[in-house]
Each structure stands twice: as structure tokens, then as C-alpha cells.
C-alpha atoms as a PDB file:
ATOM      1  CA  LEU A   1     221.247 175.582  58.287  1.00  0.00           C
ATOM      2  CA  ALA A   2     218.394 173.313  57.240  1.00  0.00           C
ATOM      3  CA  TRP A   3     214.980 174.821  56.577  1.00  0.00           C
ATOM      4  CA  ASN A   4     216.325 178.357  56.082  1.00  0.00           C
ATOM      5  CA  LEU A   5     215.392 178.739  52.420  1.00  0.00           C
ATOM      6  CA  ILE A   6     218.763 180.267  51.601  1.00  0.00           C
ATOM      7  CA  GLY A   7     218.376 179.349  47.939  1.00  0.00           C
ATOM      8  CA  ASP A   8     220.985 179.586  45.231  1.00  0.00           C
ATOM      9  CA  ASP A   9     222.343 182.979  46.312  1.00  0.00           C
ATOM     10  CA  GLY A  10     222.883 181.873  49.895  1.00  0.00           C
ATOM     11  CA  VAL A  11     224.507 178.583  49.018  1.00  0.00           C
ATOM     12  CA  SER A  12     226.693 180.312  46.427  1.00  0.00           C
ATOM     13  CA  ALA A  13     228.057 182.575  49.174  1.00  0.00           C
ATOM     14  CA  LEU A  14     228.617 179.524  51.355  1.00  0.00           C
ATOM     15  CA  ALA A  15     230.380 177.753  48.479  1.00  0.00           C
ATOM     16  CA  ASP A  16     232.711 180.762  48.129  1.00  0.00           C
ATOM     17  CA  ALA A  17     233.605 180.349  51.795  1.00  0.00           C
ATOM     18  CA  PHE A  18     234.216 176.607  51.335  1.00  0.00           C
ATOM     19  CA  ARG A  19     236.452 177.346  48.365  1.00  0.00           C
ATOM     20  CA  VAL A  20     238.860 179.477  50.406  1.00  0.00           C
ATOM     21  CA  ASN A  21     238.437 178.012  53.900  1.00  0.00           C
ATOM     22  CA  ARG A  22     240.550 174.877  54.205  1.00  0.00           C
ATOM     23  CA  LYS A  23     239.366 174.045  57.734  1.00  0.00           C
ATOM     24  CA  ARG A  24     237.617 170.719  57.928  1.00  0.00           C
ATOM     25  CA  HIS A  25     234.049 171.073  59.075  1.00  0.00           C
ATOM     26  CA  ARG A  26     232.334 167.775  59.775  1.00  0.00           C
ATOM     27  CA  LYS A  27     228.828 168.202  58.443  1.00  0.00           C
ATOM     28  CA  VAL A  28     226.620 170.884  56.992  1.00  0.00           C
ATOM     29  CA  ASP A  29     222.893 170.272  56.642  1.00  0.00           C
ATOM     30  CA  LEU A  30     221.504 172.280  53.739  1.00  0.00           C
ATOM     31  CA  SER A  31     218.288 170.312  53.326  1.00  0.00           C
ATOM     32  CA  TRP A  32     215.033 172.115  52.538  1.00  0.00           C
ATOM     33  CA  ASN A  33     216.738 175.284  51.313  1.00  0.00           C
ATOM     34  CA  LYS A  34     215.357 175.666  47.769  1.00  0.00           C
ATOM     35  CA  ILE A  35     218.795 175.084  46.283  1.00  0.00           C
ATOM     36  CA  GLY A  36     218.629 174.645  42.521  1.00  0.00           C
ATOM     37  CA  ASP A  37     220.870 174.467  39.495  1.00  0.00           C
ATOM     38  CA  ASP A  38     223.025 177.540  40.232  1.00  0.00           C
ATOM     39  CA  GLY A  39     223.560 176.656  43.886  1.00  0.00           C
ATOM     40  CA  ALA A  40     224.482 173.066  43.075  1.00  0.00           C
ATOM     41  CA  TRP A  41     226.922 174.324  40.443  1.00  0.00           C
ATOM     42  CA  ALA A  42     228.566 176.618  43.004  1.00  0.00           C
ATOM     43  CA  LEU A  43     228.955 173.762  45.504  1.00  0.00           C
ATOM     44  CA  SER A  44     230.370 171.378  42.923  1.00  0.00           C
ATOM     45  CA  ASP A  45     232.791 174.069  41.758  1.00  0.00           C
ATOM     46  CA  ALA A  46     233.950 174.610  45.358  1.00  0.00           C
ATOM     47  CA  ALA A  47     234.352 170.840  45.830  1.00  0.00           C
ATOM     48  CA  GLU A  48     236.739 170.731  42.867  1.00  0.00           C
ATOM     49  CA  PHE A  49     239.052 173.195  44.647  1.00  0.00           C
ATOM     50  CA  ASN A  50     238.760 172.070  48.268  1.00  0.00           C
ATOM     51  CA  SER A  51     239.296 168.443  49.250  1.00  0.00           C
ATOM     52  CA  LYS A  52     238.370 169.296  52.840  1.00  0.00           C
ATOM     53  CA  MET A  53     234.762 170.151  52.110  1.00  0.00           C
ATOM     54  CA  PRO A  54     232.394 168.968  54.846  1.00  0.00           C
ATOM     55  CA  ALA A  55     229.834 166.244  54.374  1.00  0.00           C
ATOM     56  CA  ILE A  56     226.828 168.102  53.000  1.00  0.00           C
ATOM     57  CA  ASN A  57     223.192 167.086  53.148  1.00  0.00           C
ATOM     58  CA  LEU A  58     221.333 168.509  50.155  1.00  0.00           C
ATOM     59  CA  SER A  59     218.132 166.491  50.555  1.00  0.00           C
ATOM     60  CA  TYR A  60     214.797 168.015  49.584  1.00  0.00           C
ATOM     61  CA  ASN A  61     216.136 170.753  47.366  1.00  0.00           C
ATOM     62  CA  HIS A  62     215.436 171.498  43.694  1.00  0.00           C
ATOM     63  CA  ILE A  63     218.675 170.160  42.244  1.00  0.00           C
ATOM     64  CA  PRO A  64     218.269 168.898  38.664  1.00  0.00           C
ATOM     65  CA  ASP A  65     219.503 165.455  37.703  1.00  0.00           C
ATOM     66  CA  HIS A  66     222.472 166.704  35.682  1.00  0.00           C
ATOM     67  CA  GLN A  67     223.772 168.608  38.725  1.00  0.00           C
ATOM     68  CA  ARG A  68     223.196 165.609  41.003  1.00  0.00           C
ATOM     69  CA  THR A  69     225.324 163.547  38.642  1.00  0.00           C
ATOM     70  CA  ARG A  70     228.041 166.222  38.534  1.00  0.00           C
ATOM     71  CA  LEU A  71     228.101 166.519  42.342  1.00  0.00           C
ATOM     72  CA  LYS A  72     228.274 162.754  42.817  1.00  0.00           C
ATOM     73  CA  THR A  73     231.079 162.387  40.266  1.00  0.00           C
ATOM     74  CA  ILE A  74     233.181 165.140  41.845  1.00  0.00           C
ATOM     75  CA  CYS A  75     232.579 163.812  45.338  1.00  0.00           C
ATOM     76  CA  ASP A  76     233.487 160.260  44.339  1.00  0.00           C
ATOM     77  CA  ASN A  77     236.699 161.457  42.700  1.00  0.00           C
ATOM     78  CA  ARG A  78     237.660 163.608  45.693  1.00  0.00           C
ATOM     79  CA  SER A  79     236.462 161.257  48.478  1.00  0.00           C
ATOM     80  CA  LEU A  80     233.907 163.810  49.636  1.00  0.00           C
ATOM     81  CA  LYS A  81     230.442 163.076  50.948  1.00  0.00           C
ATOM     82  CA  MET A  82     227.257 164.762  49.769  1.00  0.00           C
ATOM     83  CA  ASN A  83     223.764 163.454  50.193  1.00  0.00           C
ATOM     84  CA  VAL A  84     221.950 164.754  47.130  1.00  0.00           C
END
């Protein structure tokens, strides 16, 4: 999914799917997708509800520092992996 410019709306839809889908996917590469504050919030919200979230690569997006911190904290507490 890298380099698809899905943005906040696209990643929010994906986060909704992660929230309800308990299957364990290994990795999802969301790098270079223009994901910002709203998209990062949606992913972190989904991570709070689903401990089987895949490892997610969020490199080279537009995620503000406060959302990076929130994502890292949630992932550390839930033993999830996200490269932010």
C-alpha cells in the first residue's frame, strides 16, 4: 500500500477495518501516503481496541510529533510494532 497517497481518509477506513478484524496480518506498509494527524489518530484508536494489529510502517508521512508519541506509547503498552 506504500506510495498510494491514501491520506487520512484512506487510512481511517483501513483503521476501521483493523478495529473489527481480529485476524493477524503480518505487516502493512503505509509509507509515503500523506497520512497526517487525523489518520494517525484513527490508527492509534484502532490499536487501543485490537491487540492483533499488524506491524505498520508509517515512514515518510506527515504525522505530527504529538501523534507519533501517542502511537509509540500505545504500541509499547500493547506490544505492537509501528515504524513512525
